[in-house]
Amino acid sequence: HAAPHPAFADSLPFRTALVELAEGPWLQVRLTGAEPATPV
């Protein structure tokens, strides 16, 4: 909800996530597209 960098100011709020890849490592990404109100 608060821009961690000025370049994010126009895209608030946004979701960031940890994803466990099929190969095993975790990758931090920004979630994009049409998402449900509450991810699971």
PDB file of all heavy atoms in Angstrom:
ATOM      1  N   HIS A   1       0.814  -1.225   0.000  1.00  0.00           N
ATOM      2  CA  HIS A   1       0.000   0.000   0.000  1.00  0.00           C
ATOM      3  C   HIS A   1       0.842   1.266   0.000  1.00  0.00           C
ATOM      4  O   HIS A   1       0.336   2.339  -0.314  1.00  0.00           O
ATOM      5  CB  HIS A   1      -0.932   0.016   1.210  1.00  0.00           C
ATOM      6  CG  HIS A   1      -1.971  -1.049   1.176  1.00  0.00           C
ATOM      7  ND1 HIS A   1      -3.126  -0.946   0.441  1.00  0.00           N
ATOM      8  CD2 HIS A   1      -2.010  -2.264   1.770  1.00  0.00           C
ATOM      9  CE1 HIS A   1      -3.852  -2.034   0.582  1.00  0.00           C
ATOM     10  NE2 HIS A   1      -3.202  -2.859   1.390  1.00  0.00           N
ATOM     11  N   ALA A   2       2.105   1.158   0.385  1.00  0.00           N
ATOM     12  CA  ALA A   2       3.008   2.310   0.412  1.00  0.00           C
ATOM     13  C   ALA A   2       4.158   2.025  -0.556  1.00  0.00           C
ATOM     14  O   ALA A   2       4.803   0.984  -0.466  1.00  0.00           O
ATOM     15  CB  ALA A   2       3.553   2.539   1.817  1.00  0.00           C
ATOM     16  N   ALA A   3       4.392   2.937  -1.471  1.00  0.00           N
ATOM     17  CA  ALA A   3       5.398   2.733  -2.518  1.00  0.00           C
ATOM     18  C   ALA A   3       6.796   2.593  -1.918  1.00  0.00           C
ATOM     19  O   ALA A   3       7.286   3.522  -1.281  1.00  0.00           O
ATOM     20  CB  ALA A   3       5.361   3.877  -3.510  1.00  0.00           C
ATOM     21  N   PRO A   4       7.469   1.438  -2.141  1.00  0.00           N
ATOM     22  CA  PRO A   4       8.829   1.282  -1.647  1.00  0.00           C
ATOM     23  C   PRO A   4       9.845   2.032  -2.506  1.00  0.00           C
ATOM     24  O   PRO A   4      11.003   2.135  -2.131  1.00  0.00           O
ATOM     25  CB  PRO A   4       9.066  -0.234  -1.741  1.00  0.00           C
ATOM     26  CG  PRO A   4       8.133  -0.683  -2.810  1.00  0.00           C
ATOM     27  CD  PRO A   4       6.954   0.227  -2.763  1.00  0.00           C
ATOM     28  N   HIS A   5       9.399   2.549  -3.639  1.00  0.00           N
ATOM     29  CA  HIS A   5      10.234   3.322  -4.568  1.00  0.00           C
ATOM     30  C   HIS A   5       9.277   4.254  -5.316  1.00  0.00           C
ATOM     31  O   HIS A   5       8.144   3.868  -5.622  1.00  0.00           O
ATOM     32  CB  HIS A   5      10.938   2.365  -5.537  1.00  0.00           C
ATOM     33  CG  HIS A   5      11.897   3.046  -6.458  1.00  0.00           C
ATOM     34  ND1 HIS A   5      11.487   3.727  -7.581  1.00  0.00           N
ATOM     35  CD2 HIS A   5      13.257   3.134  -6.424  1.00  0.00           C
ATOM     36  CE1 HIS A   5      12.547   4.204  -8.209  1.00  0.00           C
ATOM     37  NE2 HIS A   5      13.635   3.866  -7.524  1.00  0.00           N
ATOM     38  N   PRO A   6       9.681   5.476  -5.634  1.00  0.00           N
ATOM     39  CA  PRO A   6       8.779   6.412  -6.324  1.00  0.00           C
ATOM     40  C   PRO A   6       8.186   5.858  -7.627  1.00  0.00           C
ATOM     41  O   PRO A   6       7.058   6.212  -8.000  1.00  0.00           O
ATOM     42  CB  PRO A   6       9.659   7.628  -6.601  1.00  0.00           C
ATOM     43  CG  PRO A   6      10.740   7.568  -5.575  1.00  0.00           C
ATOM     44  CD  PRO A   6      10.974   6.099  -5.309  1.00  0.00           C
ATOM     45  N   ALA A   7       8.887   4.955  -8.300  1.00  0.00           N
ATOM     46  CA  ALA A   7       8.378   4.409  -9.561  1.00  0.00           C
ATOM     47  C   ALA A   7       7.136   3.541  -9.371  1.00  0.00           C
ATOM     48  O   ALA A   7       6.433   3.248 -10.331  1.00  0.00           O
ATOM     49  CB  ALA A   7       9.470   3.611 -10.263  1.00  0.00           C
ATOM     50  N   PHE A   8       6.855   3.119  -8.137  1.00  0.00           N
ATOM     51  CA  PHE A   8       5.668   2.309  -7.854  1.00  0.00           C
ATOM     52  C   PHE A   8       4.438   3.147  -7.506  1.00  0.00           C
ATOM     53  O   PHE A   8       3.347   2.619  -7.377  1.00  0.00           O
ATOM     54  CB  PHE A   8       5.935   1.361  -6.682  1.00  0.00           C
ATOM     55  CG  PHE A   8       6.872   0.242  -6.983  1.00  0.00           C
ATOM     56  CD1 PHE A   8       8.095   0.161  -6.334  1.00  0.00           C
ATOM     57  CD2 PHE A   8       6.532  -0.752  -7.895  1.00  0.00           C
ATOM     58  CE1 PHE A   8       8.968  -0.885  -6.587  1.00  0.00           C
ATOM     59  CE2 PHE A   8       7.402  -1.805  -8.154  1.00  0.00           C
ATOM     60  CZ  PHE A   8       8.618  -1.870  -7.502  1.00  0.00           C
ATOM     61  N   ALA A   9       4.609   4.443  -7.323  1.00  0.00           N
ATOM     62  CA  ALA A   9       3.549   5.299  -6.792  1.00  0.00           C
ATOM     63  C   ALA A   9       2.234   5.202  -7.561  1.00  0.00           C
ATOM     64  O   ALA A   9       1.159   5.214  -6.952  1.00  0.00           O
ATOM     65  CB  ALA A   9       4.020   6.749  -6.743  1.00  0.00           C
ATOM     66  N   ASP A  10       2.287   5.085  -8.882  1.00  0.00           N
ATOM     67  CA  ASP A  10       1.054   5.054  -9.674  1.00  0.00           C
ATOM     68  C   ASP A  10       0.422   3.674  -9.777  1.00  0.00           C
ATOM     69  O   ASP A  10      -0.613   3.523 -10.418  1.00  0.00           O
ATOM     70  CB  ASP A  10       1.322   5.587 -11.087  1.00  0.00           C
ATOM     71  CG  ASP A  10       1.663   7.069 -11.084  1.00  0.00           C
ATOM     72  OD1 ASP A  10       1.267   7.764 -10.122  1.00  0.00           O
ATOM     73  OD2 ASP A  10       2.325   7.517 -12.031  1.00  0.00           O
ATOM     74  N   SER A  11       1.023   2.668  -9.160  1.00  0.00           N
ATOM     75  CA  SER A  11       0.471   1.317  -9.292  1.00  0.00           C
ATOM     76  C   SER A  11      -0.004   0.719  -7.969  1.00  0.00           C
ATOM     77  O   SER A  11      -0.233  -0.478  -7.871  1.00  0.00           O
ATOM     78  CB  SER A  11       1.502   0.392  -9.942  1.00  0.00           C
ATOM     79  OG  SER A  11       2.656   0.318  -9.145  1.00  0.00           O
ATOM     80  N   LEU A  12      -0.165   1.568  -6.962  1.00  0.00           N
ATOM     81  CA  LEU A  12      -0.627   1.091  -5.658  1.00  0.00           C
ATOM     82  C   LEU A  12      -2.124   0.861  -5.652  1.00  0.00           C
ATOM     83  O   LEU A  12      -2.854   1.556  -6.339  1.00  0.00           O
ATOM     84  CB  LEU A  12      -0.269   2.101  -4.574  1.00  0.00           C
ATOM     85  CG  LEU A  12       1.221   2.307  -4.327  1.00  0.00           C
ATOM     86  CD1 LEU A  12       1.437   3.467  -3.375  1.00  0.00           C
ATOM     87  CD2 LEU A  12       1.865   1.049  -3.790  1.00  0.00           C
ATOM     88  N   PRO A  13      -2.617  -0.079  -4.866  1.00  0.00           N
ATOM     89  CA  PRO A  13      -1.865  -1.153  -4.234  1.00  0.00           C
ATOM     90  C   PRO A  13      -1.536  -2.235  -5.266  1.00  0.00           C
ATOM     91  O   PRO A  13      -2.166  -2.331  -6.311  1.00  0.00           O
ATOM     92  CB  PRO A  13      -2.832  -1.681  -3.178  1.00  0.00           C
ATOM     93  CG  PRO A  13      -4.181  -1.436  -3.762  1.00  0.00           C
ATOM     94  CD  PRO A  13      -4.048  -0.166  -4.569  1.00  0.00           C
ATOM     95  N   PHE A  14      -0.520  -3.054  -4.951  1.00  0.00           N
ATOM     96  CA  PHE A  14      -0.204  -4.201  -5.798  1.00  0.00           C
ATOM     97  C   PHE A  14       0.215  -5.356  -4.907  1.00  0.00           C
ATOM     98  O   PHE A  14       0.490  -5.179  -3.721  1.00  0.00           O
ATOM     99  CB  PHE A  14       0.873  -3.869  -6.837  1.00  0.00           C
ATOM    100  CG  PHE A  14       2.212  -3.482  -6.275  1.00  0.00           C
ATOM    101  CD1 PHE A  14       3.163  -4.436  -5.968  1.00  0.00           C
ATOM    102  CD2 PHE A  14       2.525  -2.153  -6.062  1.00  0.00           C
ATOM    103  CE1 PHE A  14       4.402  -4.073  -5.455  1.00  0.00           C
ATOM    104  CE2 PHE A  14       3.762  -1.778  -5.560  1.00  0.00           C
ATOM    105  CZ  PHE A  14       4.701  -2.744  -5.252  1.00  0.00           C
ATOM    106  N   ARG A  15       0.210  -6.548  -5.483  1.00  0.00           N
ATOM    107  CA  ARG A  15       0.573  -7.747  -4.722  1.00  0.00           C
ATOM    108  C   ARG A  15       1.971  -8.214  -5.093  1.00  0.00           C
ATOM    109  O   ARG A  15       2.350  -8.217  -6.254  1.00  0.00           O
ATOM    110  CB  ARG A  15      -0.407  -8.876  -5.005  1.00  0.00           C
ATOM    111  CG  ARG A  15      -1.776  -8.643  -4.431  1.00  0.00           C
ATOM    112  CD  ARG A  15      -2.613  -9.892  -4.612  1.00  0.00           C
ATOM    113  NE  ARG A  15      -3.900  -9.707  -3.986  1.00  0.00           N
ATOM    114  CZ  ARG A  15      -5.048  -9.805  -4.624  1.00  0.00           C
ATOM    115  NH1 ARG A  15      -5.074 -10.087  -5.910  1.00  0.00           N
ATOM    116  NH2 ARG A  15      -6.177  -9.637  -3.983  1.00  0.00           N
ATOM    117  N   THR A  16       2.694  -8.625  -4.077  1.00  0.00           N
ATOM    118  CA  THR A  16       3.971  -9.297  -4.273  1.00  0.00           C
ATOM    119  C   THR A  16       3.833 -10.671  -3.633  1.00  0.00           C
ATOM    120  O   THR A  16       3.033 -10.848  -2.705  1.00  0.00           O
ATOM    121  CB  THR A  16       5.135  -8.482  -3.661  1.00  0.00           C
ATOM    122  OG1 THR A  16       6.367  -9.131  -3.962  1.00  0.00           O
ATOM    123  CG2 THR A  16       4.997  -8.295  -2.187  1.00  0.00           C
ATOM    124  N   ALA A  17       4.558 -11.657  -4.148  1.00  0.00           N
ATOM    125  CA  ALA A  17       4.335 -13.018  -3.674  1.00  0.00           C
ATOM    126  C   ALA A  17       5.599 -13.845  -3.693  1.00  0.00           C
ATOM    127  O   ALA A  17       6.550 -13.549  -4.415  1.00  0.00           O
ATOM    128  CB  ALA A  17       3.289 -13.690  -4.563  1.00  0.00           C
ATOM    129  N   LEU A  18       5.583 -14.905  -2.894  1.00  0.00           N
ATOM    130  CA  LEU A  18       6.583 -15.948  -2.954  1.00  0.00           C
ATOM    131  C   LEU A  18       5.938 -17.136  -3.646  1.00  0.00           C
ATOM    132  O   LEU A  18       4.849 -17.577  -3.261  1.00  0.00           O
ATOM    133  CB  LEU A  18       7.042 -16.364  -1.561  1.00  0.00           C
ATOM    134  CG  LEU A  18       7.979 -15.416  -0.840  1.00  0.00           C
ATOM    135  CD1 LEU A  18       8.258 -15.923   0.576  1.00  0.00           C
ATOM    136  CD2 LEU A  18       9.273 -15.254  -1.598  1.00  0.00           C
ATOM    137  N   VAL A  19       6.609 -17.635  -4.665  1.00  0.00           N
ATOM    138  CA  VAL A  19       6.112 -18.773  -5.427  1.00  0.00           C
ATOM    139  C   VAL A  19       7.129 -19.896  -5.303  1.00  0.00           C
ATOM    140  O   VAL A  19       8.324 -19.687  -5.518  1.00  0.00           O
ATOM    141  CB  VAL A  19       5.921 -18.392  -6.915  1.00  0.00           C
ATOM    142  CG1 VAL A  19       5.548 -19.603  -7.752  1.00  0.00           C
ATOM    143  CG2 VAL A  19       4.882 -17.286  -7.036  1.00  0.00           C
ATOM    144  N   GLU A  20       6.655 -21.087  -4.937  1.00  0.00           N
ATOM    145  CA  GLU A  20       7.521 -22.263  -4.951  1.00  0.00           C
ATOM    146  C   GLU A  20       7.434 -22.865  -6.342  1.00  0.00           C
ATOM    147  O   GLU A  20       6.379 -23.324  -6.775  1.00  0.00           O
ATOM    148  CB  GLU A  20       7.098 -23.295  -3.916  1.00  0.00           C
ATOM    149  CG  GLU A  20       8.029 -24.493  -3.898  1.00  0.00           C
ATOM    150  CD  GLU A  20       7.714 -25.488  -2.794  1.00  0.00           C
ATOM    151  OE1 GLU A  20       6.729 -25.301  -2.053  1.00  0.00           O
ATOM    152  OE2 GLU A  20       8.476 -26.462  -2.674  1.00  0.00           O
ATOM    153  N   LEU A  21       8.529 -22.790  -7.070  1.00  0.00           N
ATOM    154  CA  LEU A  21       8.560 -23.285  -8.436  1.00  0.00           C
ATOM    155  C   LEU A  21       8.523 -24.811  -8.459  1.00  0.00           C
ATOM    156  O   LEU A  21       8.905 -25.474  -7.491  1.00  0.00           O
ATOM    157  CB  LEU A  21       9.804 -22.774  -9.153  1.00  0.00           C
ATOM    158  CG  LEU A  21       9.868 -21.242  -9.288  1.00  0.00           C
ATOM    159  CD1 LEU A  21      11.246 -20.811  -9.759  1.00  0.00           C
ATOM    160  CD2 LEU A  21       8.785 -20.742 -10.227  1.00  0.00           C
ATOM    161  N   ALA A  22       8.075 -25.374  -9.565  1.00  0.00           N
ATOM    162  CA  ALA A  22       7.987 -26.830  -9.716  1.00  0.00           C
ATOM    163  C   ALA A  22       9.330 -27.503  -9.441  1.00  0.00           C
ATOM    164  O   ALA A  22       9.372 -28.621  -8.929  1.00  0.00           O
ATOM    165  CB  ALA A  22       7.485 -27.172 -11.118  1.00  0.00           C
ATOM    166  N   GLU A  23      10.422 -26.809  -9.746  1.00  0.00           N
ATOM    167  CA  GLU A  23      11.762 -27.354  -9.542  1.00  0.00           C
ATOM    168  C   GLU A  23      12.229 -27.265  -8.087  1.00  0.00           C
ATOM    169  O   GLU A  23      13.266 -27.823  -7.735  1.00  0.00           O
ATOM    170  CB  GLU A  23      12.765 -26.629 -10.446  1.00  0.00           C
ATOM    171  CG  GLU A  23      12.524 -26.855 -11.922  1.00  0.00           C
ATOM    172  CD  GLU A  23      11.391 -26.014 -12.515  1.00  0.00           C
ATOM    173  OE1 GLU A  23      10.879 -25.090 -11.837  1.00  0.00           O
ATOM    174  OE2 GLU A  23      11.018 -26.287 -13.653  1.00  0.00           O
ATOM    175  N   GLY A  24      11.508 -26.519  -7.249  1.00  0.00           N
ATOM    176  CA  GLY A  24      11.845 -26.432  -5.831  1.00  0.00           C
ATOM    177  C   GLY A  24      12.188 -25.064  -5.282  1.00  0.00           C
ATOM    178  O   GLY A  24      11.763 -24.730  -4.182  1.00  0.00           O
ATOM    179  N   PRO A  25      12.970 -24.243  -5.992  1.00  0.00           N
ATOM    180  CA  PRO A  25      13.318 -22.943  -5.413  1.00  0.00           C
ATOM    181  C   PRO A  25      12.095 -22.026  -5.286  1.00  0.00           C
ATOM    182  O   PRO A  25      11.105 -22.197  -6.007  1.00  0.00           O
ATOM    183  CB  PRO A  25      14.299 -22.339  -6.414  1.00  0.00           C
ATOM    184  CG  PRO A  25      14.737 -23.435  -7.280  1.00  0.00           C
ATOM    185  CD  PRO A  25      13.656 -24.477  -7.245  1.00  0.00           C
ATOM    186  N   TRP A  26      12.221 -21.082  -4.393  1.00  0.00           N
ATOM    187  CA  TRP A  26      11.197 -20.052  -4.248  1.00  0.00           C
ATOM    188  C   TRP A  26      11.647 -18.827  -5.020  1.00  0.00           C
ATOM    189  O   TRP A  26      12.835 -18.472  -5.032  1.00  0.00           O
ATOM    190  CB  TRP A  26      11.001 -19.691  -2.786  1.00  0.00           C
ATOM    191  CG  TRP A  26      10.299 -20.754  -1.985  1.00  0.00           C
ATOM    192  CD1 TRP A  26      10.071 -22.057  -2.358  1.00  0.00           C
ATOM    193  CD2 TRP A  26       9.765 -20.611  -0.684  1.00  0.00           C
ATOM    194  NE1 TRP A  26       9.421 -22.714  -1.362  1.00  0.00           N
ATOM    195  CE2 TRP A  26       9.215 -21.848  -0.313  1.00  0.00           C
ATOM    196  CE3 TRP A  26       9.695 -19.566   0.208  1.00  0.00           C
ATOM    197  CZ2 TRP A  26       8.591 -22.071   0.915  1.00  0.00           C
ATOM    198  CZ3 TRP A  26       9.089 -19.778   1.428  1.00  0.00           C
ATOM    199  CH2 TRP A  26       8.532 -21.013   1.775  1.00  0.00           C
ATOM    200  N   LEU A  27      10.694 -18.161  -5.655  1.00  0.00           N
ATOM    201  CA  LEU A  27      10.967 -16.962  -6.433  1.00  0.00           C
ATOM    202  C   LEU A  27      10.013 -15.865  -5.966  1.00  0.00           C
ATOM    203  O   LEU A  27       8.808 -16.104  -5.837  1.00  0.00           O
ATOM    204  CB  LEU A  27      10.740 -17.263  -7.921  1.00  0.00           C
ATOM    205  CG  LEU A  27      11.167 -16.215  -8.935  1.00  0.00           C
ATOM    206  CD1 LEU A  27      12.674 -16.007  -8.909  1.00  0.00           C
ATOM    207  CD2 LEU A  27      10.729 -16.662 -10.337  1.00  0.00           C
ATOM    208  N   GLN A  28      10.552 -14.691  -5.669  1.00  0.00           N
ATOM    209  CA  GLN A  28       9.701 -13.561  -5.303  1.00  0.00           C
ATOM    210  C   GLN A  28       9.304 -12.850  -6.587  1.00  0.00           C
ATOM    211  O   GLN A  28      10.159 -12.499  -7.411  1.00  0.00           O
ATOM    212  CB  GLN A  28      10.422 -12.590  -4.381  1.00  0.00           C
ATOM    213  CG  GLN A  28       9.517 -11.466  -3.931  1.00  0.00           C
ATOM    214  CD  GLN A  28      10.176 -10.553  -2.917  1.00  0.00           C
ATOM    215  OE1 GLN A  28      11.323 -10.744  -2.527  1.00  0.00           O
ATOM    216  NE2 GLN A  28       9.438  -9.551  -2.483  1.00  0.00           N
ATOM    217  N   VAL A  29       8.000 -12.646  -6.772  1.00  0.00           N
ATOM    218  CA  VAL A  29       7.474 -12.008  -7.978  1.00  0.00           C
ATOM    219  C   VAL A  29       6.359 -11.040  -7.606  1.00  0.00           C
ATOM    220  O   VAL A  29       5.826 -11.075  -6.511  1.00  0.00           O
ATOM    221  CB  VAL A  29       6.919 -13.043  -8.988  1.00  0.00           C
ATOM    222  CG1 VAL A  29       8.014 -13.942  -9.515  1.00  0.00           C
ATOM    223  CG2 VAL A  29       5.787 -13.854  -8.388  1.00  0.00           C
ATOM    224  N   ARG A  30       6.025 -10.224  -8.557  1.00  0.00           N
ATOM    225  CA  ARG A  30       4.844  -9.378  -8.444  1.00  0.00           C
ATOM    226  C   ARG A  30       3.702 -10.129  -9.099  1.00  0.00           C
ATOM    227  O   ARG A  30       3.863 -10.687 -10.182  1.00  0.00           O
ATOM    228  CB  ARG A  30       5.096  -8.056  -9.143  1.00  0.00           C
ATOM    229  CG  ARG A  30       3.953  -7.109  -9.008  1.00  0.00           C
ATOM    230  CD  ARG A  30       4.421  -5.723  -9.315  1.00  0.00           C
ATOM    231  NE  ARG A  30       3.292  -4.851  -9.444  1.00  0.00           N
ATOM    232  CZ  ARG A  30       3.369  -3.610  -9.859  1.00  0.00           C
ATOM    233  NH1 ARG A  30       4.540  -3.116 -10.189  1.00  0.00           N
ATOM    234  NH2 ARG A  30       2.311  -2.870  -9.931  1.00  0.00           N
ATOM    235  N   LEU A  31       2.545 -10.202  -8.427  1.00  0.00           N
ATOM    236  CA  LEU A  31       1.377 -10.861  -9.018  1.00  0.00           C
ATOM    237  C   LEU A  31       0.679  -9.878  -9.949  1.00  0.00           C
ATOM    238  O   LEU A  31       0.452  -8.723  -9.583  1.00  0.00           O
ATOM    239  CB  LEU A  31       0.406 -11.329  -7.940  1.00  0.00           C
ATOM    240  CG  LEU A  31       0.846 -12.518  -7.103  1.00  0.00           C
ATOM    241  CD1 LEU A  31      -0.227 -12.855  -6.062  1.00  0.00           C
ATOM    242  CD2 LEU A  31       1.138 -13.731  -7.957  1.00  0.00           C
ATOM    243  N   THR A  32       0.359 -10.330 -11.142  1.00  0.00           N
ATOM    244  CA  THR A  32      -0.285  -9.483 -12.131  1.00  0.00           C
ATOM    245  C   THR A  32      -1.547 -10.164 -12.638  1.00  0.00           C
ATOM    246  O   THR A  32      -1.799 -11.332 -12.349  1.00  0.00           O
ATOM    247  CB  THR A  32       0.643  -9.207 -13.326  1.00  0.00           C
ATOM    248  OG1 THR A  32       0.928 -10.444 -13.970  1.00  0.00           O
ATOM    249  CG2 THR A  32       1.924  -8.526 -12.889  1.00  0.00           C
ATOM    250  N   GLY A  33      -2.310  -9.427 -13.441  1.00  0.00           N
ATOM    251  CA  GLY A  33      -3.516  -9.984 -14.049  1.00  0.00           C
ATOM    252  C   GLY A  33      -4.691  -9.935 -13.097  1.00  0.00           C
ATOM    253  O   GLY A  33      -4.634  -9.357 -12.017  1.00  0.00           O
ATOM    254  N   ALA A  34      -5.766 -10.560 -13.522  1.00  0.00           N
ATOM    255  CA  ALA A  34      -6.998 -10.588 -12.722  1.00  0.00           C
ATOM    256  C   ALA A  34      -6.847 -11.642 -11.634  1.00  0.00           C
ATOM    257  O   ALA A  34      -6.814 -12.831 -11.911  1.00  0.00           O
ATOM    258  CB  ALA A  34      -8.195 -10.896 -13.603  1.00  0.00           C
ATOM    259  N   GLU A  35      -6.744 -11.194 -10.398  1.00  0.00           N
ATOM    260  CA  GLU A  35      -6.611 -12.118  -9.287  1.00  0.00           C
ATOM    261  C   GLU A  35      -7.862 -12.071  -8.424  1.00  0.00           C
ATOM    262  O   GLU A  35      -8.580 -11.078  -8.425  1.00  0.00           O
ATOM    263  CB  GLU A  35      -5.398 -11.760  -8.425  1.00  0.00           C
ATOM    264  CG  GLU A  35      -4.094 -12.025  -9.100  1.00  0.00           C
ATOM    265  CD  GLU A  35      -3.350 -10.749  -9.422  1.00  0.00           C
ATOM    266  OE1 GLU A  35      -3.591  -9.722  -8.776  1.00  0.00           O
ATOM    267  OE2 GLU A  35      -2.528 -10.790 -10.342  1.00  0.00           O
ATOM    268  N   PRO A  36      -8.099 -13.122  -7.664  1.00  0.00           N
ATOM    269  CA  PRO A  36      -9.222 -13.085  -6.723  1.00  0.00           C
ATOM    270  C   PRO A  36      -8.971 -12.053  -5.631  1.00  0.00           C
ATOM    271  O   PRO A  36      -7.841 -11.643  -5.412  1.00  0.00           O
ATOM    272  CB  PRO A  36      -9.230 -14.505  -6.148  1.00  0.00           C
ATOM    273  CG  PRO A  36      -7.854 -15.029  -6.368  1.00  0.00           C
ATOM    274  CD  PRO A  36      -7.333 -14.350  -7.602  1.00  0.00           C
ATOM    275  N   ALA A  37     -10.041 -11.649  -4.964  1.00  0.00           N
ATOM    276  CA  ALA A  37      -9.915 -10.664  -3.889  1.00  0.00           C
ATOM    277  C   ALA A  37      -8.961 -11.169  -2.806  1.00  0.00           C
ATOM    278  O   ALA A  37      -8.186 -10.404  -2.253  1.00  0.00           O
ATOM    279  CB  ALA A  37     -11.282 -10.364  -3.289  1.00  0.00           C
ATOM    280  N   THR A  38      -9.013 -12.457  -2.506  1.00  0.00           N
ATOM    281  CA  THR A  38      -8.118 -13.042  -1.515  1.00  0.00           C
ATOM    282  C   THR A  38      -7.455 -14.277  -2.117  1.00  0.00           C
ATOM    283  O   THR A  38      -8.108 -15.294  -2.322  1.00  0.00           O
ATOM    284  CB  THR A  38      -8.904 -13.452  -0.248  1.00  0.00           C
ATOM    285  OG1 THR A  38      -9.590 -12.308   0.254  1.00  0.00           O
ATOM    286  CG2 THR A  38      -7.980 -13.983   0.815  1.00  0.00           C
ATOM    287  N   PRO A  39      -6.168 -14.194  -2.428  1.00  0.00           N
ATOM    288  CA  PRO A  39      -5.465 -15.383  -2.956  1.00  0.00           C
ATOM    289  C   PRO A  39      -5.461 -16.506  -1.920  1.00  0.00           C
ATOM    290  O   PRO A  39      -5.656 -16.269  -0.725  1.00  0.00           O
ATOM    291  CB  PRO A  39      -4.049 -14.877  -3.206  1.00  0.00           C
ATOM    292  CG  PRO A  39      -4.155 -13.409  -3.243  1.00  0.00           C
ATOM    293  CD  PRO A  39      -5.301 -13.048  -2.345  1.00  0.00           C
ATOM    294  N   VAL A  40      -5.221 -17.711  -2.375  1.00  0.00           N
ATOM    295  CA  VAL A  40      -5.182 -18.871  -1.498  1.00  0.00           C
ATOM    296  C   VAL A  40      -3.824 -19.554  -1.642  1.00  0.00           C
ATOM    297  O   VAL A  40      -3.394 -19.840  -2.772  1.00  0.00           O
ATOM    298  CB  VAL A  40      -6.309 -19.864  -1.864  1.00  0.00           C
ATOM    299  CG1 VAL A  40      -6.238 -21.115  -1.015  1.00  0.00           C
ATOM    300  CG2 VAL A  40      -7.672 -19.197  -1.735  1.00  0.00           C
TER     301      VAL A  40
END
